[in-house]
Amino acid sequence: MAVTSQHEQYAAMLEEWQEMEDALIGPRAISGGGVTYLPKTSGMIEAESLAATDNSPLTPEQAKQLYLAYKRRAEYPLWVKDSLRTMVGLVSRQEPEIVLPERMKALEHEATCDGFGLKQLYLRIVSDLLTKGRKPLLAEFDDAGNPYIATYTAETAPNWLTSNVGGRQDLTLVVFSEKRLKEGSGADEFNPEYETVYRVLDLIDNQYRVRLLNDAGSEIEEAEYPGLVGGSQSTPLNFIPVVFAGSTDNNPDVDEIPLQTMAKAALKYYQLSADYFASLHYTSHPQPWIAMNGDGDMRVTGPMAAWMLPEGGTCGYLEFQGAGIEALRKAMQDQQNAAAESGAKVIDIGGQESGEARKARQNDQHSALYSVCVTAAEAVEQMLRYIAYWMGMKDAEVTKQVIFKVIPKFSKEEVDAAMLQVVYNIVQSDRAPNEVLFESLRKAGLTDKSDEELISLMTTGGLPLPEGVD
């Protein structure tokens, strides 16, 4: 097996992760994706094929412009980015319980290699779980012997293996891909070049080993066998200090992406909008035609082009009727409704349910925000315990002295405000029907008024929105 080999679950999800990454970046990435996200129409394909032939009335550049104009008119909504910001904002109000021994106290305020504390790390994990369903974490020590938690993206952990170790299914191999600055006489400090290297973590004879390999699988640096701090190389670490945080649980398997349904709806809206706005463009720009006998003189005058025709000449417009425009508009609204509903489902934690009913439903709906908060906190706690054990603490000490817990306690008001912010953003983004927002207000118990009454309130700014929704 080559170091560049990919786990089958990784290979299956790579395209989905890229789509979610582009959804977060927004219109620039989606438009830059070209035909990946917005296929050409059959007419555009035919025009480009015709332009490539001899004696074509179209040049290749003119044929290319047909698609570029079509793509520029399309509109990609920022539903995923706006919803993620609302959800992480809701989570950021939760204060984690942090208990650390004295020699690990510094981690509370400086836990990552770029200097962020444990709460900021926790919020990063939540964000990645909502958009990728996965966040790999690695326990490490810097050159000064200080512990930290290295973070990777779902896309930079291409391979892993688990085996039965002492009766448990534990990681026996993890491969991370990393970008490394190229060194050499031709290096340009203003335009640096990078190469991909692979950090390979495995267990050899129940001993943790770390290697850095190139694409060919050759070692770039000498292999390391980290031992317990305060011990020696003859006191090996007998596990791989990696946790794959997930949206469902923290085992190495790839989990579902909570915000994927919303991203799919936004992408479909983008594709529909290309046809919708192209149709509107054609209806507002009818094709003029002129019919004359012989070589009569025709003149065009004035800023709005009044035509002066010779005797017997006729003219008119070929107008695009656009009978399907209303169907396109309805389909776009359907996608907006689907996005609003999916966002509300992810954020819904069942504030009015009993504890047992909520627990049962959450067990059935693992990708809810509540579940993501819990698994993210468990992943951070597991990493801290790995570090504590690595630093020489006994199991009993680790359990008592190393704690990172977040028990989400969202108030009904906070949940209603966050859910409605997601819906409100989508409704206010362009032409989404107000009825989507009105129905959400009624579900939240904020009003029992009819659609007509709420429309009247909108004009006066009296809509019953929770505090913080804007």
Protein backbone atom coordinates (compact mmCIF):
# COMPACT_ATOMS: atom_id res chain seq x y z
CA MET A 1 0.00 0.00 0.00
CA ALA A 2 1.46 3.38 -1.04
CA VAL A 3 1.60 6.32 1.36
CA THR A 4 -0.69 8.20 -1.07
CA SER A 5 -3.42 5.53 -0.73
CA GLN A 6 -6.84 6.78 0.35
CA HIS A 7 -9.32 5.16 2.69
CA GLU A 8 -12.49 4.21 0.82
CA GLN A 9 -14.65 6.44 3.05
CA TYR A 10 -12.32 9.37 2.43
CA ALA A 11 -12.41 8.87 -1.34
CA ALA A 12 -16.21 8.68 -1.27
CA MET A 13 -16.56 11.96 0.65
CA LEU A 14 -13.83 14.08 -0.96
CA GLU A 15 -16.16 15.65 -3.54
CA GLU A 16 -18.77 16.41 -0.85
CA TRP A 17 -16.18 18.14 1.36
CA GLN A 18 -15.00 20.27 -1.58
CA GLU A 19 -18.59 21.26 -2.31
CA MET A 20 -19.09 22.31 1.32
CA GLU A 21 -15.82 24.28 1.27
CA ASP A 22 -16.99 26.15 -1.83
CA ALA A 23 -20.43 26.69 -0.27
CA LEU A 24 -18.75 28.46 2.66
CA ILE A 25 -16.57 30.63 0.43
CA GLY A 26 -19.65 31.62 -1.53
CA PRO A 27 -20.27 33.05 -5.02
CA ARG A 28 -16.58 33.42 -5.89
CA ALA A 29 -15.87 29.71 -5.44
CA ILE A 30 -19.19 28.49 -6.87
CA SER A 31 -18.85 30.66 -9.97
CA GLY A 32 -15.19 29.68 -10.27
CA GLY A 33 -16.29 26.03 -10.29
CA GLY A 34 -17.75 26.59 -13.77
CA VAL A 35 -19.58 23.62 -15.21
CA THR A 36 -19.04 21.61 -12.01
CA TYR A 37 -21.81 23.64 -10.38
CA LEU A 38 -23.56 25.17 -13.42
CA PRO A 39 -23.67 22.92 -16.50
CA LYS A 40 -23.86 24.48 -19.96
CA THR A 41 -27.15 24.30 -21.83
CA SER A 42 -27.35 22.13 -24.93
CA GLY A 43 -27.55 25.30 -27.05
CA MET A 44 -24.27 26.59 -25.61
CA ILE A 45 -22.57 23.27 -26.24
CA GLU A 46 -23.83 23.29 -29.82
CA ALA A 47 -22.72 26.92 -30.31
CA GLU A 48 -19.18 26.09 -29.15
CA SER A 49 -19.12 23.07 -31.43
CA LEU A 50 -20.28 25.19 -34.37
CA ALA A 51 -17.72 27.90 -33.60
CA ALA A 52 -14.93 25.34 -33.94
CA THR A 53 -15.87 24.58 -37.57
CA ASP A 54 -14.77 26.41 -40.70
CA ASN A 55 -16.95 29.28 -42.01
CA SER A 56 -18.80 29.53 -38.69
CA PRO A 57 -20.75 32.77 -38.12
CA LEU A 58 -19.53 32.62 -34.51
CA THR A 59 -15.96 32.92 -33.28
CA PRO A 60 -14.86 30.62 -30.41
CA GLU A 61 -14.68 33.68 -28.15
CA GLN A 62 -18.26 34.70 -28.99
CA ALA A 63 -19.48 31.19 -28.29
CA LYS A 64 -17.62 31.21 -24.96
CA GLN A 65 -19.29 34.47 -23.96
CA LEU A 66 -22.73 32.82 -24.14
CA TYR A 67 -21.88 30.64 -21.12
CA LEU A 68 -20.04 33.41 -19.27
CA ALA A 69 -23.07 35.71 -19.54
CA TYR A 70 -25.35 32.86 -18.38
CA LYS A 71 -23.09 32.21 -15.37
CA ARG A 72 -22.78 35.90 -14.41
CA ARG A 73 -26.56 36.24 -14.16
CA ALA A 74 -26.83 33.30 -11.75
CA GLU A 75 -27.11 34.10 -8.05
CA TYR A 76 -25.63 31.96 -5.27
CA PRO A 77 -27.14 32.72 -1.81
CA LEU A 78 -25.01 32.83 1.36
CA TRP A 79 -27.34 30.62 3.37
CA VAL A 80 -24.66 28.22 4.61
CA LYS A 81 -22.22 30.93 5.73
CA ASP A 82 -24.95 32.96 7.45
CA SER A 83 -26.44 29.91 9.17
CA LEU A 84 -23.05 28.68 10.36
CA ARG A 85 -22.32 32.09 11.89
CA THR A 86 -25.66 32.01 13.72
CA MET A 87 -25.13 28.48 15.04
CA VAL A 88 -21.54 29.05 16.22
CA GLY A 89 -22.71 32.27 17.85
CA LEU A 90 -25.31 30.29 19.79
CA VAL A 91 -22.70 27.72 20.87
CA SER A 92 -20.21 30.41 21.89
CA ARG A 93 -22.54 31.39 24.75
CA GLN A 94 -21.94 28.01 26.37
CA GLU A 95 -19.16 28.06 28.97
CA PRO A 96 -17.20 24.80 29.15
CA GLU A 97 -16.19 23.24 32.45
CA ILE A 98 -12.39 23.03 32.39
CA VAL A 99 -10.31 21.23 35.03
CA LEU A 100 -6.57 20.79 34.44
CA PRO A 101 -3.59 19.88 36.64
CA GLU A 102 -1.11 22.66 37.32
CA ARG A 103 1.41 21.55 34.70
CA MET A 104 -1.27 21.63 32.00
CA LYS A 105 -2.90 24.94 32.99
CA ALA A 106 -1.26 26.84 30.12
CA LEU A 107 -3.34 24.82 27.65
CA GLU A 108 -6.51 26.58 28.74
CA HIS A 109 -5.32 29.78 27.06
CA GLU A 110 -2.82 28.40 24.53
CA ALA A 111 -3.84 24.97 23.26
CA THR A 112 -3.07 25.11 19.53
CA CYS A 113 0.11 25.73 17.55
CA ASP A 114 -1.24 29.16 16.52
CA GLY A 115 -1.87 30.22 20.10
CA PHE A 116 -5.63 29.77 20.61
CA GLY A 117 -7.14 28.53 23.87
CA LEU A 118 -9.38 25.54 24.55
CA LYS A 119 -12.69 27.36 24.06
CA GLN A 120 -11.59 28.75 20.69
CA LEU A 121 -10.42 25.25 19.72
CA TYR A 122 -13.80 23.88 20.76
CA LEU A 123 -15.65 26.42 18.58
CA ARG A 124 -13.41 25.58 15.63
CA ILE A 125 -14.27 21.92 16.03
CA VAL A 126 -18.01 22.68 16.21
CA SER A 127 -17.75 24.77 13.04
CA ASP A 128 -15.95 22.01 11.14
CA LEU A 129 -18.35 19.34 12.35
CA LEU A 130 -21.32 21.36 11.10
CA THR A 131 -19.78 21.85 7.65
CA LYS A 132 -17.62 18.75 7.17
CA GLY A 133 -18.84 16.30 9.82
CA ARG A 134 -15.21 15.60 10.77
CA LYS A 135 -12.22 17.20 12.55
CA PRO A 136 -8.96 15.25 13.09
CA LEU A 137 -6.91 16.21 16.19
CA LEU A 138 -3.37 15.18 17.16
CA ALA A 139 -1.60 15.57 20.52
CA GLU A 140 1.92 16.96 20.15
CA PHE A 141 4.82 18.56 22.05
CA ASP A 142 6.84 21.49 20.73
CA ASP A 143 10.64 21.77 20.78
CA ALA A 144 10.50 23.30 24.26
CA GLY A 145 8.54 20.33 25.59
CA ASN A 146 5.22 22.14 25.86
CA PRO A 147 2.09 20.21 24.85
CA TYR A 148 -0.39 21.42 22.23
CA ILE A 149 -3.19 20.06 20.04
CA ALA A 150 -2.54 20.03 16.28
CA THR A 151 -5.63 20.34 14.10
CA TYR A 152 -6.19 18.98 10.60
CA THR A 153 -9.03 19.27 8.12
CA ALA A 154 -11.17 16.40 6.90
CA GLU A 155 -9.37 16.63 3.55
CA THR A 156 -5.88 16.28 5.06
CA ALA A 157 -6.47 12.89 6.72
CA PRO A 158 -6.59 10.57 3.69
CA ASN A 159 -6.02 7.23 5.38
CA TRP A 160 -6.41 5.37 8.67
CA LEU A 161 -6.68 1.80 9.90
CA THR A 162 -8.10 0.26 13.06
CA SER A 163 -7.32 -3.12 14.59
CA ASN A 164 -8.18 -5.10 17.67
CA VAL A 165 -5.78 -3.90 20.37
CA GLY A 166 -6.28 -5.44 23.81
CA GLY A 167 -9.89 -6.27 22.96
CA ARG A 168 -10.68 -2.76 21.65
CA GLN A 169 -10.85 -1.34 18.14
CA ASP A 170 -8.03 1.23 18.24
CA LEU A 171 -6.20 3.22 15.60
CA THR A 172 -3.11 1.44 14.31
CA LEU A 173 -2.35 3.78 11.38
CA VAL A 174 -3.13 7.41 10.61
CA VAL A 175 -1.81 9.37 7.61
CA PHE A 176 -1.94 13.16 7.46
CA SER A 177 -0.97 15.19 4.38
CA GLU A 178 0.85 18.46 5.08
CA LYS A 179 2.20 21.35 3.02
CA ARG A 180 5.90 21.97 3.58
CA LEU A 181 7.94 24.93 2.34
CA LYS A 182 10.38 23.90 -0.36
CA GLU A 183 13.97 24.65 0.46
CA GLY A 184 16.84 25.27 -1.94
CA SER A 185 18.86 27.85 -3.79
CA GLY A 186 15.96 28.76 -6.10
CA ALA A 187 13.49 29.56 -3.29
CA ASP A 188 11.64 32.86 -3.69
CA GLU A 189 10.80 34.57 -0.39
CA PHE A 190 7.95 36.52 -2.03
CA ASN A 191 6.46 33.58 -3.91
CA PRO A 192 7.15 30.49 -1.80
CA GLU A 193 6.66 27.00 -3.21
CA TYR A 194 5.29 24.14 -1.19
CA GLU A 195 5.42 20.37 -1.49
CA THR A 196 3.11 17.74 -0.03
CA VAL A 197 4.57 15.47 2.62
CA TYR A 198 2.89 12.76 4.66
CA ARG A 199 3.00 12.42 8.43
CA VAL A 200 2.54 8.71 9.09
CA LEU A 201 1.60 7.62 12.62
CA ASP A 202 1.48 3.92 13.39
CA LEU A 203 2.06 1.27 16.03
CA ILE A 204 5.05 -1.03 15.65
CA ASP A 205 5.23 -3.77 18.26
CA ASN A 206 2.77 -1.77 20.36
CA GLN A 207 5.05 1.29 20.18
CA TYR A 208 3.99 4.66 18.75
CA ARG A 209 6.06 5.67 15.71
CA VAL A 210 6.11 8.95 13.77
CA ARG A 211 7.52 9.23 10.23
CA LEU A 212 7.61 11.98 7.61
CA LEU A 213 7.50 10.62 4.05
CA ASN A 214 7.43 12.06 0.53
CA ASP A 215 5.11 10.98 -2.31
CA ALA A 216 7.37 8.06 -3.14
CA GLY A 217 7.19 6.78 0.43
CA SER A 218 10.80 7.63 1.26
CA GLU A 219 11.64 8.98 4.71
CA ILE A 220 12.45 12.70 4.79
CA GLU A 221 13.40 12.67 8.45
CA GLU A 222 14.48 9.93 10.81
CA ALA A 223 11.58 8.10 12.43
CA GLU A 224 10.70 9.03 16.02
CA TYR A 225 9.43 6.77 18.79
CA PRO A 226 7.98 9.17 21.39
CA GLY A 227 8.22 7.94 24.96
CA LEU A 228 6.47 9.08 28.09
CA VAL A 229 7.60 12.50 29.29
CA GLY A 230 9.84 12.00 32.31
CA GLY A 231 10.54 8.46 31.12
CA SER A 232 12.73 7.36 28.25
CA GLN A 233 12.52 5.91 24.77
CA SER A 234 12.31 2.52 26.48
CA THR A 235 8.98 3.67 27.99
CA PRO A 236 7.02 3.89 24.74
CA LEU A 237 3.66 5.42 24.10
CA ASN A 238 1.47 2.46 23.21
CA PHE A 239 -1.34 4.30 21.40
CA ILE A 240 -1.71 6.84 18.59
CA PRO A 241 -2.76 10.17 20.20
CA VAL A 242 -5.32 11.05 17.51
CA VAL A 243 -9.05 11.69 17.79
CA PHE A 244 -11.37 12.00 14.80
CA ALA A 245 -14.09 14.28 16.13
CA GLY A 246 -17.36 13.62 14.30
CA SER A 247 -20.90 14.95 14.06
CA THR A 248 -22.33 11.62 15.26
CA ASP A 249 -19.55 10.19 17.42
CA ASN A 250 -15.77 10.26 17.70
CA ASN A 251 -14.80 6.99 16.07
CA PRO A 252 -12.65 7.14 12.89
CA ASP A 253 -15.55 6.51 10.49
CA VAL A 254 -16.71 9.46 8.37
CA ASP A 255 -19.92 11.03 9.68
CA GLU A 256 -22.72 12.88 7.94
CA ILE A 257 -22.54 16.64 7.30
CA PRO A 258 -25.27 18.52 9.21
CA LEU A 259 -25.42 21.54 6.87
CA GLN A 260 -25.16 19.54 3.65
CA THR A 261 -28.90 19.63 2.91
CA MET A 262 -28.83 23.42 3.09
CA ALA A 263 -25.78 23.58 0.82
CA LYS A 264 -27.48 21.31 -1.72
CA ALA A 265 -30.56 23.55 -1.68
CA ALA A 266 -28.39 26.65 -2.20
CA LEU A 267 -26.63 25.01 -5.14
CA LYS A 268 -29.90 23.99 -6.77
CA TYR A 269 -31.18 27.54 -6.24
CA TYR A 270 -28.04 28.82 -8.01
CA GLN A 271 -28.68 26.57 -11.01
CA LEU A 272 -32.35 27.53 -11.21
CA SER A 273 -31.50 31.22 -10.87
CA ALA A 274 -29.27 31.03 -13.97
CA ASP A 275 -32.27 29.98 -16.07
CA TYR A 276 -34.60 32.39 -14.27
CA PHE A 277 -32.47 35.48 -14.81
CA ALA A 278 -31.59 34.44 -18.36
CA SER A 279 -35.32 34.21 -19.09
CA LEU A 280 -35.94 37.63 -17.56
CA HIS A 281 -33.10 39.02 -19.66
CA TYR A 282 -34.60 37.64 -22.86
CA THR A 283 -38.10 38.93 -22.07
CA SER A 284 -36.72 42.44 -21.51
CA HIS A 285 -34.61 42.42 -24.69
CA PRO A 286 -36.86 41.40 -27.62
CA GLN A 287 -35.23 40.76 -30.99
CA PRO A 288 -35.99 43.53 -33.55
CA TRP A 289 -36.71 42.58 -37.19
CA ILE A 290 -37.01 44.64 -40.39
CA ALA A 291 -38.41 43.70 -43.81
CA MET A 292 -37.78 45.89 -46.92
CA ASN A 293 -38.15 45.50 -50.66
CA GLY A 294 -35.10 46.35 -52.76
CA ASP A 295 -32.31 48.66 -51.66
CA GLY A 296 -34.35 51.31 -49.88
CA ASP A 297 -32.73 53.62 -47.37
CA MET A 298 -33.38 52.98 -43.67
CA ARG A 299 -32.39 55.44 -40.96
CA VAL A 300 -32.31 55.14 -37.16
CA THR A 301 -32.64 58.30 -35.08
CA GLY A 302 -32.92 59.37 -31.44
CA PRO A 303 -31.66 57.80 -28.21
CA MET A 304 -34.39 55.14 -28.22
CA ALA A 305 -33.82 54.29 -31.89
CA ALA A 306 -36.87 55.45 -33.86
CA TRP A 307 -36.77 53.75 -37.27
CA MET A 308 -37.42 55.52 -40.58
CA LEU A 309 -38.32 52.91 -43.18
CA PRO A 310 -38.73 53.25 -46.97
CA GLU A 311 -42.13 52.83 -48.52
CA GLY A 312 -43.41 49.30 -48.11
CA GLY A 313 -40.97 48.51 -45.28
CA THR A 314 -42.19 46.84 -42.10
CA CYS A 315 -40.64 46.12 -38.73
CA GLY A 316 -41.42 44.58 -35.37
CA TYR A 317 -40.09 42.56 -32.42
CA LEU A 318 -39.77 38.86 -31.82
CA GLU A 319 -40.69 38.65 -28.14
CA PHE A 320 -39.77 35.83 -25.78
CA GLN A 321 -42.96 34.97 -23.92
CA GLY A 322 -41.27 33.20 -20.99
CA ALA A 323 -44.12 30.86 -20.13
CA GLY A 324 -41.81 28.86 -17.81
CA ILE A 325 -40.59 31.82 -15.74
CA GLU A 326 -43.23 31.38 -13.06
CA ALA A 327 -42.36 27.69 -12.74
CA LEU A 328 -38.69 28.61 -12.25
CA ARG A 329 -39.58 31.18 -9.62
CA LYS A 330 -41.68 28.61 -7.76
CA ALA A 331 -38.87 26.06 -7.91
CA MET A 332 -36.43 28.61 -6.48
CA GLN A 333 -38.85 29.31 -3.62
CA ASP A 334 -39.07 25.55 -2.95
CA GLN A 335 -35.28 25.44 -2.51
CA GLN A 336 -35.42 28.44 -0.15
CA ASN A 337 -38.06 26.69 1.92
CA ALA A 338 -36.00 23.47 1.99
CA ALA A 339 -32.92 25.39 3.13
CA ALA A 340 -34.83 27.17 5.89
CA GLU A 341 -36.34 23.90 7.10
CA SER A 342 -33.00 22.04 7.08
CA GLY A 343 -31.28 24.84 8.99
CA ALA A 344 -34.02 24.87 11.61
CA LYS A 345 -33.78 21.09 12.02
CA VAL A 346 -30.03 21.20 12.65
CA ILE A 347 -30.37 23.92 15.28
CA ASP A 348 -33.52 22.50 16.93
CA ILE A 349 -32.74 20.98 20.30
CA GLY A 350 -36.30 20.42 21.41
CA GLY A 351 -36.54 23.06 24.12
CA GLN A 352 -40.16 22.20 25.02
CA GLU A 353 -39.63 18.44 25.32
CA SER A 354 -39.11 16.46 28.50
CA GLY A 355 -35.58 15.26 29.22
CA GLU A 356 -36.28 11.65 28.20
CA ALA A 357 -38.18 12.64 25.06
CA ARG A 358 -35.39 15.02 24.04
CA LYS A 359 -32.73 12.36 24.67
CA ALA A 360 -34.63 9.81 22.60
CA ARG A 361 -35.07 12.22 19.71
CA GLN A 362 -31.45 13.34 19.86
CA ASN A 363 -30.30 9.73 19.72
CA ASP A 364 -32.29 9.46 16.53
CA GLN A 365 -31.09 12.79 15.09
CA HIS A 366 -27.36 12.65 15.73
CA SER A 367 -26.45 15.60 13.54
CA ALA A 368 -28.42 18.13 15.61
CA LEU A 369 -26.45 21.02 17.04
CA TYR A 370 -26.81 19.55 20.53
CA SER A 371 -25.06 16.35 19.46
CA VAL A 372 -22.29 18.27 17.70
CA CYS A 373 -21.61 20.27 20.88
CA VAL A 374 -21.34 17.10 22.94
CA THR A 375 -19.04 15.19 20.56
CA ALA A 376 -16.78 18.25 20.10
CA ALA A 377 -16.37 18.59 23.87
CA GLU A 378 -15.68 14.87 24.25
CA ALA A 379 -13.00 15.10 21.55
CA VAL A 380 -11.22 17.97 23.34
CA GLU A 381 -11.38 16.11 26.66
CA GLN A 382 -9.94 12.95 25.09
CA MET A 383 -7.05 14.94 23.60
CA LEU A 384 -6.29 16.51 26.98
CA ARG A 385 -6.30 13.08 28.61
CA TYR A 386 -3.91 11.76 25.97
CA ILE A 387 -1.56 14.64 26.76
CA ALA A 388 -1.89 14.05 30.51
CA TYR A 389 -1.08 10.35 30.15
CA TRP A 390 1.81 11.21 27.82
CA MET A 391 3.13 13.54 30.53
CA GLY A 392 3.26 10.63 32.95
CA MET A 393 -0.03 10.92 34.87
CA LYS A 394 -1.72 7.73 36.05
CA ASP A 395 -5.13 6.69 34.77
CA ALA A 396 -6.90 7.50 38.05
CA GLU A 397 -5.30 10.95 38.16
CA VAL A 398 -6.23 11.66 34.56
CA THR A 399 -9.91 10.86 35.12
CA LYS A 400 -10.19 13.18 38.14
CA GLN A 401 -7.88 16.02 37.13
CA VAL A 402 -8.53 16.40 33.39
CA ILE A 403 -12.05 17.52 32.48
CA PHE A 404 -13.48 19.44 29.55
CA LYS A 405 -17.25 19.28 29.41
CA VAL A 406 -19.96 21.24 27.70
CA ILE A 407 -23.51 20.33 28.59
CA PRO A 408 -25.51 22.46 26.16
CA LYS A 409 -28.16 24.42 27.99
CA PHE A 410 -29.85 26.46 25.33
CA SER A 411 -32.85 28.39 26.56
CA LYS A 412 -36.01 28.25 24.49
CA GLU A 413 -35.58 31.96 23.76
CA GLU A 414 -32.02 31.44 22.49
CA VAL A 415 -33.06 28.52 20.31
CA ASP A 416 -36.05 30.40 18.90
CA ALA A 417 -33.85 33.41 18.14
CA ALA A 418 -31.20 31.29 16.44
CA MET A 419 -33.72 29.27 14.42
CA LEU A 420 -35.54 32.39 13.35
CA GLN A 421 -32.27 34.11 12.44
CA VAL A 422 -31.53 31.29 10.00
CA VAL A 423 -35.02 31.50 8.51
CA TYR A 424 -35.02 35.31 8.54
CA ASN A 425 -31.68 35.47 6.67
CA ILE A 426 -33.02 33.20 3.95
CA VAL A 427 -36.35 35.02 3.65
CA GLN A 428 -34.68 38.43 3.55
CA SER A 429 -31.94 37.39 1.11
CA ASP A 430 -34.10 38.06 -1.96
CA ARG A 431 -37.55 36.86 -3.01
CA ALA A 432 -38.30 34.09 -0.51
CA PRO A 433 -41.96 34.06 0.54
CA ASN A 434 -42.71 35.75 3.86
CA GLU A 435 -44.99 32.83 4.73
CA VAL A 436 -41.89 30.74 5.60
CA LEU A 437 -40.98 33.23 8.33
CA PHE A 438 -44.56 33.61 9.50
CA GLU A 439 -44.94 29.84 9.96
CA SER A 440 -41.68 29.71 11.95
CA LEU A 441 -42.93 32.51 14.22
CA ARG A 442 -46.09 30.57 14.90
CA LYS A 443 -44.17 27.32 15.58
CA ALA A 444 -41.99 29.19 18.08
CA GLY A 445 -45.13 30.34 19.89
CA LEU A 446 -44.35 34.01 19.26
CA THR A 447 -47.60 34.80 17.49
CA ASP A 448 -50.94 33.32 16.47
CA LYS A 449 -51.72 36.00 13.92
CA SER A 450 -52.64 35.24 10.30
CA ASP A 451 -50.36 35.87 7.34
CA GLU A 452 -52.38 38.96 6.41
CA GLU A 453 -52.00 40.44 9.91
CA LEU A 454 -48.26 39.74 9.96
CA ILE A 455 -47.78 41.36 6.55
CA SER A 456 -49.44 44.45 7.96
CA LEU A 457 -47.06 44.37 10.94
CA MET A 458 -44.05 44.11 8.63
CA THR A 459 -44.80 47.48 7.10
CA THR A 460 -44.73 49.13 10.55
CA GLY A 461 -41.72 47.22 11.90
CA GLY A 462 -43.88 45.46 14.48
CA LEU A 463 -43.10 41.85 13.54
CA PRO A 464 -42.76 39.78 16.78
CA LEU A 465 -39.11 38.74 16.33
CA PRO A 466 -37.00 37.62 19.33
CA GLU A 467 -34.34 39.97 20.61
CA GLY A 468 -31.15 39.68 18.57
CA VAL A 469 -32.79 38.78 15.25
CA ASP A 470 -31.96 41.42 12.65
